[in-house]
Amino acid sequence: MLIAIYLCALLCVTVIVICAYRATNASRNAHPRRLLKATKRFDAQFEKCVASNDYHLPGRITHSLGRTINLEAFWQSCKKLEPEDCRRMLLDNQQAIVDVQLRERRTTVHAYFAYLLRDLAPFDGDEGAYGDLMLRFLEDDSVYARENALRAIYSFGNARLVESALMSLTDRGISHNQKLVTDGLLAFRGDETQLVGLLMGHYDEVLECYRNSLIDYMNHKGICTYDERLLKDAASKEVSLDTECAIIRKINKSPSERNLAFVEGIVEQYQDGDDWKPVAVAVAGLGQYKGDHKVKELLKDKVTSKNWYIRKNAAAALAAIGLTQSDIEEIDAKDDRFAMDAIRYEQRRVSYA
């Protein structure tokens, strides 16, 4: 009797596992089929629009964009259009599409729509209602919705919209990953000078992550207009270590007597204390000062630092400047095996580059 009950239970479990597997497989296969069907529907509608030169979509079509699978189909169909046709499709239907997104409460839909809009929309500052919609998406709890909305805003090329976005996040005390913000600013398609001017107007107001991202952005773009302002900020001793390091990286990018004096002051201020990061960042940029005896002596001193990062960066800078046999013997005489290992490694790396 017990054996029969056991076998029946085993059979039931087996049947349940098989049914679950088939259901999962069916669900996986259903998505491509539904997507293909939806894409064909959008393709046919878009062909009619282009042929008639009337890009306004029927209400049933725009209403369907509240579902991610239809958004994906819409995206794929739009990418088949010529750039100008795609632009008109988005702009001529913007209010209807925006209304659908505002009614939709799911952040996954918001995140997905912002993602495809970034990919499709070469608006060149003429994004219309989509700009306000992306600002609304910044209020979502989802970090994915916020990041995709920011990416869409950068792609629009409207400097004032970027300004509004970062100030909106600041006003609500919402931080964002500094590297993501920097990467986003680097993807900005509009007037870089106007963008930097607007954001520097809020330098003291924005949250630290956005301020540091702006400094990194100017560093990548080689914008030196506001270096005096940054040096003044670093000299105030009221900035955080992260902001100070961002300023050091920025100042180190442009070799000059003034900037070298600033970097040397940073090294002297921190020396080999617990706050090692500013010194490590400072010496990393000194490889540009070739032929400067004072810089080489400073680096030869820091290559024997007790901190690994300072030692490594000093060795890399020395390898970039170039070491004589006399320099190597002087460092070797300090009997610091770790310093010599760092020097040899960086010299090999430079020779292989």
Protein backbone atom coordinates (compact mmCIF):
# COMPACT_ATOMS: atom_id res chain seq x y z
CA MET A 1 0.00 0.00 0.00
CA LEU A 2 2.76 2.44 0.95
CA ILE A 3 4.65 1.60 -2.22
CA ALA A 4 1.57 2.39 -4.31
CA ILE A 5 1.12 5.75 -2.57
CA TYR A 6 4.80 6.56 -3.10
CA LEU A 7 4.62 5.70 -6.80
CA CYS A 8 1.46 7.82 -7.24
CA ALA A 9 3.16 10.78 -5.54
CA LEU A 10 6.24 10.36 -7.72
CA LEU A 11 4.07 10.23 -10.84
CA CYS A 12 2.26 13.43 -9.81
CA VAL A 13 5.53 15.29 -9.24
CA THR A 14 6.84 14.12 -12.63
CA VAL A 15 3.67 15.31 -14.39
CA ILE A 16 3.87 18.72 -12.65
CA VAL A 17 7.54 19.15 -13.65
CA ILE A 18 6.81 18.24 -17.28
CA CYS A 19 3.81 20.61 -17.43
CA ALA A 20 5.83 23.47 -15.90
CA TYR A 21 8.65 22.89 -18.38
CA ARG A 22 6.25 22.94 -21.33
CA ALA A 23 4.53 26.07 -20.01
CA THR A 24 7.87 27.84 -19.63
CA ASN A 25 8.93 26.78 -23.12
CA ALA A 26 5.63 27.95 -24.56
CA SER A 27 6.00 31.31 -22.83
CA ARG A 28 9.52 31.72 -24.19
CA ASN A 29 8.45 30.91 -27.71
CA ALA A 30 5.33 33.08 -27.52
CA HIS A 31 7.28 36.35 -27.13
CA PRO A 32 9.11 36.18 -30.49
CA ARG A 33 5.86 35.27 -32.23
CA ARG A 34 3.94 38.14 -30.63
CA LEU A 35 6.81 40.55 -31.33
CA LEU A 36 6.99 39.52 -35.00
CA LYS A 37 3.23 39.97 -35.38
CA ALA A 38 3.30 43.41 -33.70
CA THR A 39 6.29 44.52 -35.78
CA LYS A 40 4.55 43.57 -39.03
CA ARG A 41 1.53 45.58 -37.91
CA PHE A 42 3.68 48.67 -37.29
CA ASP A 43 5.59 48.14 -40.56
CA ALA A 44 2.35 48.13 -42.53
CA GLN A 45 1.05 51.24 -40.76
CA PHE A 46 4.32 53.11 -41.26
CA GLU A 47 4.33 52.27 -44.97
CA LYS A 48 0.90 53.87 -45.29
CA CYS A 49 2.06 56.98 -43.41
CA VAL A 50 5.14 57.47 -45.57
CA ALA A 51 3.19 56.85 -48.79
CA SER A 52 0.49 59.38 -47.85
CA ASN A 53 2.91 61.86 -46.22
CA ASP A 54 0.60 61.84 -43.19
CA TYR A 55 2.50 60.60 -40.15
CA HIS A 56 -0.33 60.77 -37.61
CA LEU A 57 -1.02 57.30 -36.23
CA PRO A 58 -4.50 55.96 -35.35
CA GLY A 59 -5.44 56.10 -31.67
CA ARG A 60 -5.45 52.31 -31.34
CA ILE A 61 -1.79 52.25 -32.44
CA THR A 62 -0.56 54.92 -30.04
CA HIS A 63 -2.69 53.48 -27.23
CA SER A 64 -0.91 50.13 -27.63
CA LEU A 65 2.42 51.76 -26.69
CA GLY A 66 1.61 51.28 -23.03
CA ARG A 67 2.95 47.70 -23.32
CA THR A 68 6.64 46.87 -23.59
CA ILE A 69 6.21 44.34 -26.40
CA ASN A 70 4.49 46.97 -28.56
CA LEU A 71 7.18 49.50 -27.66
CA GLU A 72 9.80 47.02 -28.83
CA ALA A 73 7.92 46.46 -32.09
CA PHE A 74 7.50 50.24 -32.55
CA TRP A 75 11.24 50.66 -31.99
CA GLN A 76 12.18 48.00 -34.53
CA SER A 77 9.82 49.43 -37.14
CA CYS A 78 11.06 52.99 -36.58
CA LYS A 79 14.65 51.88 -37.12
CA LYS A 80 13.71 50.70 -40.60
CA LEU A 81 12.59 54.20 -41.57
CA GLU A 82 14.76 56.94 -43.02
CA PRO A 83 16.02 59.32 -40.26
CA GLU A 84 13.72 62.16 -41.31
CA ASP A 85 10.69 59.83 -41.52
CA CYS A 86 11.49 58.49 -38.05
CA ARG A 87 11.80 62.03 -36.71
CA ARG A 88 8.42 63.02 -38.15
CA MET A 89 6.80 59.84 -36.84
CA LEU A 90 7.90 60.71 -33.32
CA LEU A 91 7.20 64.45 -33.45
CA ASP A 92 3.84 64.30 -35.25
CA ASN A 93 2.53 61.82 -32.67
CA GLN A 94 4.33 63.18 -29.64
CA GLN A 95 1.30 64.37 -27.65
CA ALA A 96 -0.62 61.11 -28.11
CA ILE A 97 2.45 59.04 -27.15
CA VAL A 98 3.24 61.25 -24.16
CA ASP A 99 -0.37 60.96 -22.91
CA VAL A 100 -0.10 57.15 -23.03
CA GLN A 101 3.16 57.20 -21.07
CA LEU A 102 1.75 59.59 -18.46
CA ARG A 103 -1.22 57.28 -17.88
CA GLU A 104 1.08 54.28 -17.54
CA ARG A 105 2.32 53.77 -13.96
CA ARG A 106 4.76 50.90 -14.47
CA THR A 107 8.36 52.06 -14.22
CA THR A 108 9.49 49.24 -16.52
CA VAL A 109 7.47 50.81 -19.34
CA HIS A 110 8.89 54.25 -18.53
CA ALA A 111 12.45 52.90 -18.50
CA TYR A 112 11.96 51.07 -21.79
CA PHE A 113 10.34 54.02 -23.56
CA ALA A 114 13.13 56.37 -22.42
CA TYR A 115 15.68 53.84 -23.69
CA LEU A 116 14.19 53.57 -27.17
CA LEU A 117 13.62 57.33 -27.38
CA ARG A 118 17.33 57.92 -26.74
CA ASP A 119 18.16 55.53 -29.57
CA LEU A 120 15.66 56.93 -32.06
CA ALA A 121 15.55 60.65 -31.47
CA PRO A 122 18.00 62.99 -33.22
CA PHE A 123 15.92 65.98 -32.12
CA ASP A 124 18.76 68.55 -32.05
CA GLY A 125 17.08 70.59 -29.32
CA ASP A 126 13.58 70.25 -30.81
CA GLU A 127 12.28 67.44 -28.61
CA GLY A 128 8.98 69.15 -27.73
CA ALA A 129 6.81 67.36 -25.17
CA TYR A 130 9.30 64.49 -24.85
CA GLY A 131 11.61 66.76 -22.84
CA ASP A 132 9.01 67.41 -20.15
CA LEU A 133 8.12 63.71 -20.14
CA MET A 134 11.72 62.71 -19.44
CA LEU A 135 11.85 65.24 -16.59
CA ARG A 136 8.74 63.54 -15.16
CA PHE A 137 10.45 60.15 -15.46
CA LEU A 138 13.27 61.47 -13.24
CA GLU A 139 10.73 61.34 -10.41
CA ASP A 140 10.40 57.54 -10.76
CA ASP A 141 11.66 55.37 -7.92
CA SER A 142 13.46 53.14 -10.42
CA VAL A 143 17.13 53.98 -10.99
CA TYR A 144 16.79 52.40 -14.45
CA ALA A 145 14.01 54.80 -15.41
CA ARG A 146 16.04 57.75 -14.14
CA GLU A 147 19.23 56.67 -15.94
CA ASN A 148 17.43 56.05 -19.23
CA ALA A 149 15.56 59.34 -18.92
CA LEU A 150 18.87 61.16 -18.34
CA ARG A 151 20.42 59.40 -21.32
CA ALA A 152 17.49 60.47 -23.49
CA ILE A 153 17.84 64.06 -22.26
CA TYR A 154 21.57 64.11 -23.12
CA SER A 155 20.79 62.79 -26.60
CA PHE A 156 18.26 65.56 -27.29
CA GLY A 157 21.05 68.14 -27.45
CA ASN A 158 19.17 70.74 -25.38
CA ALA A 159 21.57 72.27 -22.84
CA ARG A 160 18.79 73.93 -20.84
CA LEU A 161 16.98 70.61 -20.51
CA VAL A 162 20.14 69.01 -19.06
CA GLU A 163 20.39 71.94 -16.65
CA SER A 164 16.76 71.43 -15.57
CA ALA A 165 17.32 67.68 -15.13
CA LEU A 166 20.37 67.96 -12.85
CA MET A 167 18.82 70.78 -10.84
CA SER A 168 15.59 68.78 -10.45
CA LEU A 169 17.54 65.82 -9.06
CA THR A 170 19.54 68.14 -6.80
CA ASP A 171 16.43 69.88 -5.46
CA ARG A 172 15.02 66.49 -4.45
CA GLY A 173 18.33 65.34 -2.99
CA ILE A 174 18.69 62.44 -5.43
CA SER A 175 22.29 61.43 -6.16
CA HIS A 176 23.32 59.45 -9.22
CA ASN A 177 26.40 57.45 -10.09
CA GLN A 178 29.16 59.92 -10.93
CA LYS A 179 30.64 57.88 -13.78
CA LEU A 180 27.22 57.38 -15.36
CA VAL A 181 26.59 61.14 -15.24
CA THR A 182 30.01 61.88 -16.77
CA ASP A 183 29.47 59.30 -19.53
CA GLY A 184 26.04 60.79 -20.17
CA LEU A 185 27.40 64.32 -20.46
CA LEU A 186 30.03 63.07 -22.90
CA ALA A 187 27.17 61.73 -25.06
CA PHE A 188 25.53 65.19 -25.16
CA ARG A 189 24.83 66.17 -28.79
CA GLY A 190 24.36 69.90 -28.42
CA ASP A 191 26.44 73.03 -27.77
CA GLU A 192 29.15 72.01 -25.29
CA THR A 193 30.12 75.59 -24.44
CA GLN A 194 26.53 76.51 -23.59
CA LEU A 195 26.12 73.32 -21.53
CA VAL A 196 29.23 73.98 -19.42
CA GLY A 197 28.30 77.63 -18.95
CA LEU A 198 24.81 76.76 -17.70
CA LEU A 199 26.02 74.02 -15.35
CA MET A 200 28.89 76.10 -13.97
CA GLY A 201 26.26 78.70 -13.07
CA HIS A 202 24.99 76.14 -10.54
CA TYR A 203 28.43 74.90 -9.45
CA ASP A 204 27.84 75.71 -5.78
CA GLU A 205 24.25 74.43 -5.80
CA VAL A 206 24.33 70.99 -7.41
CA LEU A 207 25.02 67.82 -5.44
CA GLU A 208 28.62 66.72 -5.26
CA CYS A 209 28.18 63.83 -7.72
CA TYR A 210 26.95 66.24 -10.43
CA ARG A 211 29.65 68.82 -9.64
CA ASN A 212 32.40 66.20 -9.90
CA SER A 213 30.89 64.84 -13.12
CA LEU A 214 30.96 68.33 -14.60
CA ILE A 215 34.66 68.70 -13.68
CA ASP A 216 35.41 65.30 -15.24
CA TYR A 217 33.44 66.31 -18.35
CA MET A 218 35.51 69.48 -18.75
CA ASN A 219 38.63 67.38 -18.23
CA HIS A 220 37.68 64.97 -21.03
CA LYS A 221 36.72 67.81 -23.37
CA GLY A 222 39.80 69.92 -22.60
CA ILE A 223 37.73 72.93 -21.50
CA CYS A 224 39.99 75.22 -19.44
CA THR A 225 37.75 78.30 -19.22
CA TYR A 226 36.87 77.70 -15.58
CA ASP A 227 40.24 76.49 -14.25
CA GLU A 228 40.69 79.61 -12.09
CA ARG A 229 37.31 78.91 -10.46
CA LEU A 230 38.33 75.31 -9.77
CA LEU A 231 41.69 76.31 -8.31
CA LYS A 232 39.95 78.78 -6.02
CA ASP A 233 37.57 76.04 -4.90
CA ALA A 234 40.44 73.64 -4.13
CA ALA A 235 42.35 76.36 -2.24
CA SER A 236 39.33 77.00 0.01
CA LYS A 237 39.94 73.64 1.76
CA GLU A 238 36.16 73.28 2.05
CA VAL A 239 35.74 70.68 -0.71
CA SER A 240 35.60 66.93 -0.23
CA LEU A 241 38.50 64.67 -1.18
CA ASP A 242 36.57 63.39 -4.21
CA THR A 243 35.99 66.92 -5.51
CA GLU A 244 39.60 67.87 -4.81
CA CYS A 245 40.84 64.82 -6.74
CA ALA A 246 38.54 65.68 -9.66
CA ILE A 247 40.02 69.20 -9.71
CA ILE A 248 43.58 67.83 -9.53
CA ARG A 249 42.92 65.53 -12.52
CA LYS A 250 41.46 68.47 -14.42
CA ILE A 251 44.34 70.86 -13.62
CA ASN A 252 46.95 68.19 -14.35
CA LYS A 253 45.57 67.88 -17.89
CA SER A 254 47.01 71.31 -18.83
CA PRO A 255 50.74 71.62 -17.99
CA SER A 256 51.78 75.12 -16.93
CA GLU A 257 53.83 76.79 -14.20
CA ARG A 258 50.68 77.79 -12.34
CA ASN A 259 49.21 74.31 -12.51
CA LEU A 260 52.49 72.66 -11.54
CA ALA A 261 52.72 74.89 -8.47
CA PHE A 262 49.20 73.81 -7.50
CA VAL A 263 50.03 70.10 -7.87
CA GLU A 264 53.29 70.48 -5.91
CA GLY A 265 51.32 72.21 -3.16
CA ILE A 266 48.93 69.24 -3.00
CA VAL A 267 51.84 66.80 -2.65
CA GLU A 268 53.43 68.91 0.08
CA GLN A 269 50.11 69.32 1.92
CA TYR A 270 49.25 65.63 2.16
CA GLN A 271 52.69 63.98 1.94
CA ASP A 272 52.29 60.33 2.96
CA GLY A 273 49.45 60.81 5.43
CA ASP A 274 46.24 58.82 5.69
CA ASP A 275 44.63 60.88 2.91
CA TRP A 276 46.84 59.40 0.19
CA LYS A 277 44.45 59.74 -2.75
CA PRO A 278 45.16 63.43 -3.64
CA VAL A 279 48.91 62.70 -3.77
CA ALA A 280 48.37 59.59 -5.94
CA VAL A 281 46.21 61.59 -8.35
CA ALA A 282 48.65 64.52 -8.33
CA VAL A 283 51.79 62.53 -9.19
CA ALA A 284 49.93 60.56 -11.88
CA GLY A 285 49.81 63.64 -14.12
CA LEU A 286 53.41 64.75 -13.69
CA GLY A 287 54.68 62.60 -16.56
CA GLN A 288 53.84 65.52 -18.87
CA TYR A 289 56.59 67.71 -17.37
CA LYS A 290 59.51 66.27 -19.31
CA GLY A 291 62.81 68.00 -18.77
CA ASP A 292 61.77 69.51 -15.44
CA HIS A 293 64.47 68.49 -12.93
CA LYS A 294 62.38 69.53 -9.93
CA VAL A 295 59.48 67.31 -11.04
CA LYS A 296 61.80 64.34 -11.54
CA GLU A 297 63.25 64.77 -8.05
CA LEU A 298 59.76 64.93 -6.56
CA LEU A 299 58.77 61.71 -8.36
CA LYS A 300 61.97 59.93 -7.31
CA ASP A 301 61.04 60.75 -3.73
CA LYS A 302 57.43 59.52 -4.13
CA VAL A 303 58.40 56.29 -5.86
CA THR A 304 59.56 55.06 -2.45
CA SER A 305 56.29 56.03 -0.76
CA LYS A 306 54.79 53.58 1.70
CA ASN A 307 51.53 53.81 -0.24
CA TRP A 308 51.26 51.42 -3.21
CA TYR A 309 49.12 53.75 -5.37
CA ILE A 310 51.46 56.72 -4.92
CA ARG A 311 54.48 54.53 -5.67
CA LYS A 312 52.86 53.01 -8.77
CA ASN A 313 51.74 56.39 -10.20
CA ALA A 314 55.11 57.98 -9.49
CA ALA A 315 56.88 55.10 -11.27
CA ALA A 316 54.56 55.48 -14.29
CA ALA A 317 55.26 59.22 -14.44
CA LEU A 318 59.01 58.63 -14.19
CA ALA A 319 58.86 56.07 -17.00
CA ALA A 320 57.01 58.64 -19.16
CA ILE A 321 59.59 61.34 -18.41
CA GLY A 322 62.54 59.01 -18.95
CA LEU A 323 65.14 57.76 -16.47
CA THR A 324 68.88 57.83 -16.88
CA GLN A 325 71.12 55.09 -15.52
CA SER A 326 72.16 57.53 -12.83
CA ASP A 327 68.51 58.02 -11.80
CA ILE A 328 67.98 54.26 -11.54
CA GLU A 329 71.14 53.80 -9.47
CA GLU A 330 70.03 56.61 -7.14
CA ILE A 331 66.64 54.93 -6.57
CA ASP A 332 68.27 51.50 -6.23
CA ALA A 333 70.61 52.88 -3.55
CA LYS A 334 67.60 53.51 -1.31
CA ASP A 335 67.34 49.71 -1.00
CA ASP A 336 63.59 49.77 -1.73
CA ARG A 337 62.82 46.57 -3.66
CA PHE A 338 59.18 47.58 -4.20
CA ALA A 339 60.21 50.90 -5.77
CA MET A 340 62.59 49.18 -8.18
CA ASP A 341 59.95 46.59 -9.08
CA ALA A 342 57.51 49.39 -9.90
CA ILE A 343 60.16 51.21 -12.01
CA ARG A 344 61.05 48.08 -14.00
CA TYR A 345 57.39 47.20 -14.59
CA GLU A 346 56.53 50.69 -15.86
CA GLN A 347 59.62 50.84 -18.07
CA ARG A 348 58.67 47.54 -19.71
CA ARG A 349 55.09 48.75 -20.17
CA VAL A 350 56.28 51.94 -21.89
CA SER A 351 58.70 50.04 -24.14
CA TYR A 352 55.94 47.65 -25.25
CA ALA A 353 53.35 50.39 -25.86
